[in-house]
Amino acid sequence: MQTLEKFYAVMAVSFEGANLDFSKIYTMAFKHFGDFQKAEIMQKVYEDEIKHVRRGYHYIKKRIPNSQNEWDYYLSLIEFPFTPRRAKGYHYFPETRIQAGFSQEFAKKLEQYEDEFTGRVNSRILKEVLDLNIRVVESAD
């Protein structure tokens, strides 16, 4: 990565941001199946990821040019084929981004972002076991 802004956009806002969703999902799954020790570990992972995401988001936010908003600046920092879809888990929990310091607008833009990979996930455990309402894109195959 050529700049710290690009590094934080990919690593903190995107990868670690997605980990906020994944750690919530895994915490719920462990609790559902009665493994409270692992659920507690995943909760600690979640709390740690909040710090990482917050640090990266604030670093980027302080460097936004006056001519851009947060979302457009973030998009300018990531390069195709990488997309904002990588910043979300199979199920998006916008409140986790707010907890990490994201603006409501940025969290909403991320929630609304879709590409060809949106919904392409084996979602049975999310829908049937954890009772999360997610949209599934049916394969044309």
N, C-alpha and C. Protein backbone atom coordinates (compact mmCIF):
# COMPACT_ATOMS: atom_id res chain seq x y z
N MET A 1 0.85 -1.17 0.00
CA MET A 1 0.00 0.00 0.00
C MET A 1 0.90 1.23 0.00
N GLN A 2 0.49 2.19 -0.80
CA GLN A 2 1.33 3.37 -0.98
C GLN A 2 1.21 4.38 0.16
N THR A 3 0.09 4.41 0.86
CA THR A 3 -0.10 5.39 1.93
C THR A 3 -0.76 4.73 3.14
N LEU A 4 -0.61 5.40 4.27
CA LEU A 4 -1.30 4.91 5.48
C LEU A 4 -2.81 5.00 5.32
N GLU A 5 -3.29 6.01 4.60
CA GLU A 5 -4.72 6.13 4.37
C GLU A 5 -5.25 4.90 3.64
N LYS A 6 -4.54 4.46 2.59
CA LYS A 6 -4.97 3.28 1.84
C LYS A 6 -4.88 2.03 2.71
N PHE A 7 -3.81 1.94 3.49
CA PHE A 7 -3.67 0.80 4.40
C PHE A 7 -4.86 0.72 5.36
N TYR A 8 -5.17 1.85 6.01
CA TYR A 8 -6.28 1.85 6.97
C TYR A 8 -7.63 1.61 6.29
N ALA A 9 -7.81 2.09 5.06
CA ALA A 9 -9.06 1.86 4.34
C ALA A 9 -9.27 0.37 4.10
N VAL A 10 -8.20 -0.32 3.72
CA VAL A 10 -8.31 -1.75 3.43
C VAL A 10 -8.30 -2.57 4.72
N MET A 11 -7.31 -2.34 5.56
CA MET A 11 -7.13 -3.19 6.73
C MET A 11 -8.16 -2.89 7.83
N ALA A 12 -8.22 -1.65 8.28
CA ALA A 12 -9.07 -1.33 9.43
C ALA A 12 -10.54 -1.19 9.06
N VAL A 13 -10.84 -0.32 8.11
CA VAL A 13 -12.24 -0.07 7.77
C VAL A 13 -12.87 -1.28 7.10
N SER A 14 -12.10 -1.95 6.23
CA SER A 14 -12.68 -3.06 5.46
C SER A 14 -12.53 -4.40 6.16
N PHE A 15 -11.31 -4.94 6.22
CA PHE A 15 -11.14 -6.29 6.78
C PHE A 15 -11.55 -6.37 8.25
N GLU A 16 -11.03 -5.45 9.05
CA GLU A 16 -11.38 -5.50 10.47
C GLU A 16 -12.83 -5.07 10.70
N GLY A 17 -13.34 -4.21 9.81
CA GLY A 17 -14.75 -3.86 9.87
C GLY A 17 -15.63 -5.09 9.65
N ALA A 18 -15.28 -5.90 8.66
CA ALA A 18 -16.03 -7.14 8.42
C ALA A 18 -15.93 -8.07 9.63
N ASN A 19 -14.78 -8.05 10.29
CA ASN A 19 -14.62 -8.88 11.48
C ASN A 19 -15.57 -8.48 12.61
N LEU A 20 -16.03 -7.23 12.61
CA LEU A 20 -17.05 -6.84 13.59
C LEU A 20 -18.31 -7.68 13.37
N ASP A 21 -18.68 -7.83 12.11
CA ASP A 21 -19.86 -8.64 11.80
C ASP A 21 -19.62 -10.11 12.10
N PHE A 22 -18.48 -10.63 11.65
CA PHE A 22 -18.19 -12.05 11.87
C PHE A 22 -18.10 -12.39 13.35
N SER A 23 -17.46 -11.52 14.14
CA SER A 23 -17.34 -11.83 15.57
C SER A 23 -18.71 -11.80 16.25
N LYS A 24 -19.62 -10.93 15.81
CA LYS A 24 -20.99 -10.94 16.35
C LYS A 24 -21.70 -12.24 15.98
N ILE A 25 -21.56 -12.65 14.72
CA ILE A 25 -22.20 -13.88 14.25
C ILE A 25 -21.69 -15.08 15.04
N TYR A 26 -20.36 -15.18 15.19
CA TYR A 26 -19.79 -16.32 15.90
C TYR A 26 -20.13 -16.29 17.38
N THR A 27 -20.19 -15.11 17.98
CA THR A 27 -20.61 -15.02 19.38
C THR A 27 -22.03 -15.56 19.54
N MET A 28 -22.91 -15.14 18.65
CA MET A 28 -24.30 -15.62 18.68
C MET A 28 -24.37 -17.13 18.48
N ALA A 29 -23.57 -17.64 17.55
CA ALA A 29 -23.59 -19.09 17.27
C ALA A 29 -23.10 -19.88 18.47
N PHE A 30 -21.99 -19.45 19.07
CA PHE A 30 -21.48 -20.17 20.24
C PHE A 30 -22.50 -20.16 21.38
N LYS A 31 -23.13 -19.02 21.61
CA LYS A 31 -24.16 -18.95 22.65
C LYS A 31 -25.33 -19.87 22.32
N HIS A 32 -25.75 -19.85 21.07
CA HIS A 32 -26.87 -20.69 20.64
C HIS A 32 -26.61 -22.17 20.93
N PHE A 33 -25.37 -22.59 20.72
CA PHE A 33 -25.03 -24.00 20.91
C PHE A 33 -24.47 -24.28 22.30
N GLY A 34 -24.56 -23.30 23.22
CA GLY A 34 -24.21 -23.52 24.61
C GLY A 34 -22.74 -23.45 24.95
N ASP A 35 -21.91 -22.96 24.03
CA ASP A 35 -20.47 -22.86 24.31
C ASP A 35 -20.17 -21.42 24.73
N PHE A 36 -20.43 -21.14 25.99
CA PHE A 36 -20.32 -19.78 26.50
C PHE A 36 -18.87 -19.34 26.66
N GLN A 37 -17.96 -20.28 26.84
CA GLN A 37 -16.54 -19.93 26.94
C GLN A 37 -16.05 -19.36 25.60
N LYS A 38 -16.39 -20.02 24.51
CA LYS A 38 -15.98 -19.52 23.20
C LYS A 38 -16.73 -18.24 22.85
N ALA A 39 -17.96 -18.12 23.28
CA ALA A 39 -18.72 -16.89 23.05
C ALA A 39 -18.04 -15.72 23.74
N GLU A 40 -17.53 -15.96 24.93
CA GLU A 40 -16.83 -14.92 25.67
C GLU A 40 -15.53 -14.52 24.95
N ILE A 41 -14.83 -15.49 24.42
CA ILE A 41 -13.60 -15.21 23.65
C ILE A 41 -13.95 -14.37 22.43
N MET A 42 -15.01 -14.74 21.72
CA MET A 42 -15.40 -13.98 20.53
C MET A 42 -15.83 -12.57 20.90
N GLN A 43 -16.43 -12.39 22.05
CA GLN A 43 -16.80 -11.05 22.50
C GLN A 43 -15.55 -10.21 22.72
N LYS A 44 -14.49 -10.82 23.25
CA LYS A 44 -13.22 -10.10 23.43
C LYS A 44 -12.61 -9.74 22.08
N VAL A 45 -12.71 -10.65 21.12
CA VAL A 45 -12.24 -10.36 19.76
C VAL A 45 -13.00 -9.16 19.21
N TYR A 46 -14.30 -9.16 19.37
CA TYR A 46 -15.14 -8.06 18.92
C TYR A 46 -14.68 -6.74 19.54
N GLU A 47 -14.49 -6.72 20.84
CA GLU A 47 -14.08 -5.50 21.53
C GLU A 47 -12.73 -5.01 21.05
N ASP A 48 -11.83 -5.94 20.75
CA ASP A 48 -10.52 -5.58 20.22
C ASP A 48 -10.65 -5.00 18.81
N GLU A 49 -11.49 -5.61 18.00
CA GLU A 49 -11.68 -5.13 16.62
C GLU A 49 -12.29 -3.73 16.60
N ILE A 50 -13.17 -3.44 17.55
CA ILE A 50 -13.75 -2.08 17.64
C ILE A 50 -12.63 -1.05 17.71
N LYS A 51 -11.63 -1.31 18.53
CA LYS A 51 -10.51 -0.37 18.69
C LYS A 51 -9.74 -0.21 17.38
N HIS A 52 -9.49 -1.31 16.70
CA HIS A 52 -8.74 -1.26 15.44
C HIS A 52 -9.50 -0.48 14.37
N VAL A 53 -10.78 -0.77 14.25
CA VAL A 53 -11.61 -0.10 13.24
C VAL A 53 -11.70 1.39 13.55
N ARG A 54 -11.93 1.73 14.82
CA ARG A 54 -12.03 3.14 15.22
C ARG A 54 -10.74 3.89 14.89
N ARG A 55 -9.61 3.29 15.21
CA ARG A 55 -8.32 3.94 14.94
C ARG A 55 -8.16 4.24 13.44
N GLY A 56 -8.43 3.24 12.61
CA GLY A 56 -8.28 3.43 11.17
C GLY A 56 -9.26 4.43 10.60
N TYR A 57 -10.51 4.35 11.03
CA TYR A 57 -11.54 5.27 10.53
C TYR A 57 -11.19 6.71 10.89
N HIS A 58 -10.78 6.94 12.13
CA HIS A 58 -10.45 8.30 12.55
C HIS A 58 -9.21 8.82 11.82
N TYR A 59 -8.25 7.95 11.56
CA TYR A 59 -7.06 8.36 10.82
C TYR A 59 -7.46 8.85 9.43
N ILE A 60 -8.31 8.09 8.77
CA ILE A 60 -8.77 8.46 7.43
C ILE A 60 -9.62 9.73 7.48
N LYS A 61 -10.52 9.79 8.43
CA LYS A 61 -11.45 10.93 8.52
C LYS A 61 -10.71 12.25 8.69
N LYS A 62 -9.62 12.26 9.42
CA LYS A 62 -8.85 13.49 9.64
C LYS A 62 -8.18 13.98 8.36
N ARG A 63 -8.09 13.14 7.35
CA ARG A 63 -7.36 13.48 6.13
C ARG A 63 -8.26 13.64 4.90
N ILE A 64 -9.54 13.73 5.11
CA ILE A 64 -10.47 13.89 3.99
C ILE A 64 -10.29 15.27 3.38
N PRO A 65 -10.05 15.32 2.06
CA PRO A 65 -9.98 16.64 1.41
C PRO A 65 -11.32 17.36 1.52
N ASN A 66 -11.26 18.67 1.56
CA ASN A 66 -12.49 19.46 1.71
C ASN A 66 -13.51 19.20 0.61
N SER A 67 -13.04 18.77 -0.54
CA SER A 67 -13.93 18.57 -1.69
C SER A 67 -14.65 17.22 -1.66
N GLN A 68 -14.35 16.36 -0.69
CA GLN A 68 -14.95 15.02 -0.67
C GLN A 68 -15.67 14.75 0.65
N ASN A 69 -16.63 13.84 0.59
CA ASN A 69 -17.25 13.36 1.82
C ASN A 69 -16.55 12.06 2.23
N GLU A 70 -16.90 11.54 3.40
CA GLU A 70 -16.22 10.34 3.93
C GLU A 70 -16.32 9.15 2.99
N TRP A 71 -17.52 8.90 2.48
CA TRP A 71 -17.73 7.72 1.64
C TRP A 71 -16.92 7.81 0.35
N ASP A 72 -16.99 8.96 -0.31
CA ASP A 72 -16.26 9.12 -1.57
C ASP A 72 -14.75 9.03 -1.34
N TYR A 73 -14.29 9.56 -0.22
CA TYR A 73 -12.85 9.46 0.07
C TYR A 73 -12.45 8.00 0.30
N TYR A 74 -13.25 7.28 1.05
CA TYR A 74 -12.99 5.85 1.26
C TYR A 74 -12.92 5.13 -0.09
N LEU A 75 -13.90 5.37 -0.95
CA LEU A 75 -13.90 4.73 -2.27
C LEU A 75 -12.64 5.07 -3.06
N SER A 76 -12.14 6.28 -2.90
CA SER A 76 -10.93 6.68 -3.63
C SER A 76 -9.68 5.98 -3.11
N LEU A 77 -9.75 5.45 -1.91
CA LEU A 77 -8.59 4.80 -1.30
C LEU A 77 -8.49 3.31 -1.62
N ILE A 78 -9.59 2.70 -2.01
CA ILE A 78 -9.56 1.27 -2.33
C ILE A 78 -9.51 1.11 -3.84
N GLU A 79 -8.90 0.03 -4.29
CA GLU A 79 -8.70 -0.18 -5.72
C GLU A 79 -9.37 -1.46 -6.18
N PHE A 80 -10.03 -1.38 -7.34
CA PHE A 80 -10.66 -2.53 -7.95
C PHE A 80 -9.61 -3.61 -8.18
N PRO A 81 -9.92 -4.86 -7.90
CA PRO A 81 -11.23 -5.46 -7.70
C PRO A 81 -11.73 -5.43 -6.25
N PHE A 82 -10.99 -4.80 -5.36
CA PHE A 82 -11.42 -4.66 -3.97
C PHE A 82 -12.61 -3.70 -3.94
N THR A 83 -13.66 -4.07 -3.22
CA THR A 83 -14.85 -3.22 -3.11
C THR A 83 -15.28 -3.09 -1.65
N PRO A 84 -16.18 -2.17 -1.35
CA PRO A 84 -16.69 -2.05 0.02
C PRO A 84 -17.40 -3.30 0.51
N ARG A 85 -17.74 -4.23 -0.37
CA ARG A 85 -18.37 -5.48 0.07
C ARG A 85 -17.47 -6.22 1.05
N ARG A 86 -16.15 -6.04 0.89
CA ARG A 86 -15.19 -6.69 1.80
C ARG A 86 -15.25 -6.10 3.20
N ALA A 87 -15.94 -4.99 3.37
CA ALA A 87 -16.04 -4.33 4.67
C ALA A 87 -17.25 -4.82 5.47
N LYS A 88 -17.92 -5.86 4.96
CA LYS A 88 -19.10 -6.39 5.64
C LYS A 88 -19.01 -7.90 5.73
N GLY A 89 -19.60 -8.44 6.78
CA GLY A 89 -19.71 -9.89 6.89
C GLY A 89 -20.92 -10.38 6.11
N TYR A 90 -21.29 -11.63 6.33
CA TYR A 90 -22.46 -12.19 5.66
C TYR A 90 -23.73 -11.47 6.08
N HIS A 91 -23.72 -10.96 7.28
CA HIS A 91 -24.82 -10.16 7.81
C HIS A 91 -24.19 -8.88 8.33
N TYR A 92 -24.75 -7.75 7.97
CA TYR A 92 -24.19 -6.46 8.36
C TYR A 92 -24.90 -5.93 9.60
N PHE A 93 -24.10 -5.58 10.60
CA PHE A 93 -24.62 -5.00 11.84
C PHE A 93 -24.18 -3.53 11.87
N PRO A 94 -25.00 -2.60 11.37
CA PRO A 94 -24.57 -1.20 11.30
C PRO A 94 -24.24 -0.59 12.66
N GLU A 95 -24.88 -1.07 13.71
CA GLU A 95 -24.61 -0.51 15.04
C GLU A 95 -23.16 -0.74 15.48
N THR A 96 -22.52 -1.76 14.93
CA THR A 96 -21.12 -2.01 15.29
C THR A 96 -20.23 -0.92 14.70
N ARG A 97 -20.58 -0.41 13.53
CA ARG A 97 -19.79 0.66 12.91
C ARG A 97 -20.00 1.97 13.66
N ILE A 98 -21.23 2.20 14.10
CA ILE A 98 -21.50 3.40 14.90
C ILE A 98 -20.69 3.34 16.19
N GLN A 99 -20.64 2.16 16.80
CA GLN A 99 -19.86 1.99 18.03
C GLN A 99 -18.38 2.25 17.77
N ALA A 100 -17.91 1.96 16.56
CA ALA A 100 -16.51 2.19 16.20
C ALA A 100 -16.26 3.64 15.77
N GLY A 101 -17.30 4.47 15.79
CA GLY A 101 -17.11 5.89 15.50
C GLY A 101 -17.51 6.34 14.11
N PHE A 102 -18.04 5.44 13.29
CA PHE A 102 -18.46 5.84 11.94
C PHE A 102 -19.63 6.82 12.04
N SER A 103 -19.72 7.70 11.06
CA SER A 103 -20.89 8.56 10.98
C SER A 103 -22.09 7.71 10.55
N GLN A 104 -23.27 8.18 10.88
CA GLN A 104 -24.50 7.49 10.45
C GLN A 104 -24.52 7.37 8.93
N GLU A 105 -24.10 8.43 8.25
CA GLU A 105 -24.13 8.44 6.78
C GLU A 105 -23.20 7.38 6.21
N PHE A 106 -21.99 7.27 6.75
CA PHE A 106 -21.04 6.28 6.24
C PHE A 106 -21.56 4.87 6.50
N ALA A 107 -22.05 4.63 7.70
CA ALA A 107 -22.58 3.30 8.04
C ALA A 107 -23.75 2.94 7.12
N LYS A 108 -24.58 3.90 6.78
CA LYS A 108 -25.73 3.65 5.90
C LYS A 108 -25.25 3.37 4.47
N LYS A 109 -24.27 4.13 3.99
CA LYS A 109 -23.73 3.90 2.63
C LYS A 109 -23.14 2.50 2.55
N LEU A 110 -22.44 2.09 3.58
CA LEU A 110 -21.87 0.74 3.60
C LEU A 110 -22.98 -0.30 3.59
N GLU A 111 -24.01 -0.06 4.38
CA GLU A 111 -25.14 -0.99 4.42
C GLU A 111 -25.79 -1.13 3.04
N GLN A 112 -25.90 -0.04 2.32
CA GLN A 112 -26.58 -0.04 1.02
C GLN A 112 -25.70 -0.56 -0.11
N TYR A 113 -24.41 -0.65 0.10
CA TYR A 113 -23.51 -1.06 -0.98
C TYR A 113 -23.76 -2.52 -1.36
N GLU A 114 -23.89 -2.76 -2.65
CA GLU A 114 -24.05 -4.12 -3.17
C GLU A 114 -23.19 -4.29 -4.40
N ASP A 115 -22.74 -5.51 -4.62
CA ASP A 115 -22.06 -5.87 -5.86
C ASP A 115 -22.45 -7.30 -6.20
N GLU A 116 -21.77 -7.89 -7.15
CA GLU A 116 -22.16 -9.22 -7.62
C GLU A 116 -22.01 -10.31 -6.56
N PHE A 117 -21.31 -10.03 -5.47
CA PHE A 117 -21.12 -11.03 -4.43
C PHE A 117 -22.13 -10.90 -3.28
N THR A 118 -22.91 -9.84 -3.29
CA THR A 118 -23.88 -9.62 -2.23
C THR A 118 -24.88 -10.77 -2.17
N GLY A 119 -25.03 -11.34 -0.99
CA GLY A 119 -26.01 -12.39 -0.78
C GLY A 119 -25.57 -13.78 -1.20
N ARG A 120 -24.40 -13.92 -1.75
CA ARG A 120 -23.93 -15.24 -2.20
C ARG A 120 -23.17 -15.91 -1.06
N VAL A 121 -23.95 -16.52 -0.19
CA VAL A 121 -23.36 -17.15 0.98
C VAL A 121 -24.28 -18.28 1.42
N ASN A 122 -23.67 -19.30 1.96
CA ASN A 122 -24.49 -20.36 2.55
C ASN A 122 -25.05 -19.78 3.84
N SER A 123 -26.28 -19.35 3.78
CA SER A 123 -26.85 -18.58 4.88
C SER A 123 -27.78 -19.37 5.79
N ARG A 124 -27.82 -20.68 5.65
CA ARG A 124 -28.75 -21.47 6.46
C ARG A 124 -28.59 -21.20 7.95
N ILE A 125 -27.36 -21.23 8.44
CA ILE A 125 -27.17 -21.02 9.88
C ILE A 125 -27.59 -19.62 10.29
N LEU A 126 -27.37 -18.64 9.41
CA LEU A 126 -27.75 -17.28 9.75
C LEU A 126 -29.27 -17.13 9.82
N LYS A 127 -29.96 -17.74 8.89
CA LYS A 127 -31.42 -17.60 8.83
C LYS A 127 -32.14 -18.54 9.78
N GLU A 128 -31.78 -19.81 9.76
CA GLU A 128 -32.54 -20.81 10.50
C GLU A 128 -32.11 -20.96 11.95
N VAL A 129 -30.84 -20.86 12.21
CA VAL A 129 -30.35 -21.08 13.57
C VAL A 129 -30.28 -19.78 14.35
N LEU A 130 -29.71 -18.74 13.76
CA LEU A 130 -29.53 -17.49 14.48
C LEU A 130 -30.66 -16.50 14.25
N ASP A 131 -31.61 -16.86 13.38
CA ASP A 131 -32.79 -16.05 13.12
C ASP A 131 -32.44 -14.65 12.63
N LEU A 132 -31.40 -14.55 11.78
CA LEU A 132 -31.04 -13.28 11.17
C LEU A 132 -31.71 -13.20 9.81
N ASN A 133 -32.36 -12.10 9.55
CA ASN A 133 -33.05 -11.92 8.28
C ASN A 133 -32.06 -11.38 7.25
N ILE A 134 -31.64 -12.23 6.31
CA ILE A 134 -30.73 -11.77 5.27
C ILE A 134 -31.31 -12.10 3.91
N ARG A 135 -30.91 -11.27 2.94
CA ARG A 135 -31.35 -11.47 1.57
C ARG A 135 -30.38 -12.41 0.88
N VAL A 136 -30.90 -13.42 0.22
CA VAL A 136 -30.06 -14.39 -0.46
C VAL A 136 -30.30 -14.28 -1.96
N VAL A 137 -29.20 -14.16 -2.72
CA VAL A 137 -29.29 -14.13 -4.17
C VAL A 137 -29.18 -15.56 -4.66
N GLU A 138 -30.19 -16.01 -5.37
CA GLU A 138 -30.19 -17.37 -5.89
C GLU A 138 -29.23 -17.47 -7.06
N SER A 139 -28.48 -18.54 -7.12
CA SER A 139 -27.55 -18.78 -8.21
C SER A 139 -28.32 -19.11 -9.48
N ALA A 140 -27.81 -18.63 -10.61
CA ALA A 140 -28.45 -18.90 -11.90
C ALA A 140 -28.09 -20.28 -12.42
N ASP A 141 -27.22 -20.99 -11.72
CA ASP A 141 -26.76 -22.32 -12.17
C ASP A 141 -27.85 -23.35 -12.09
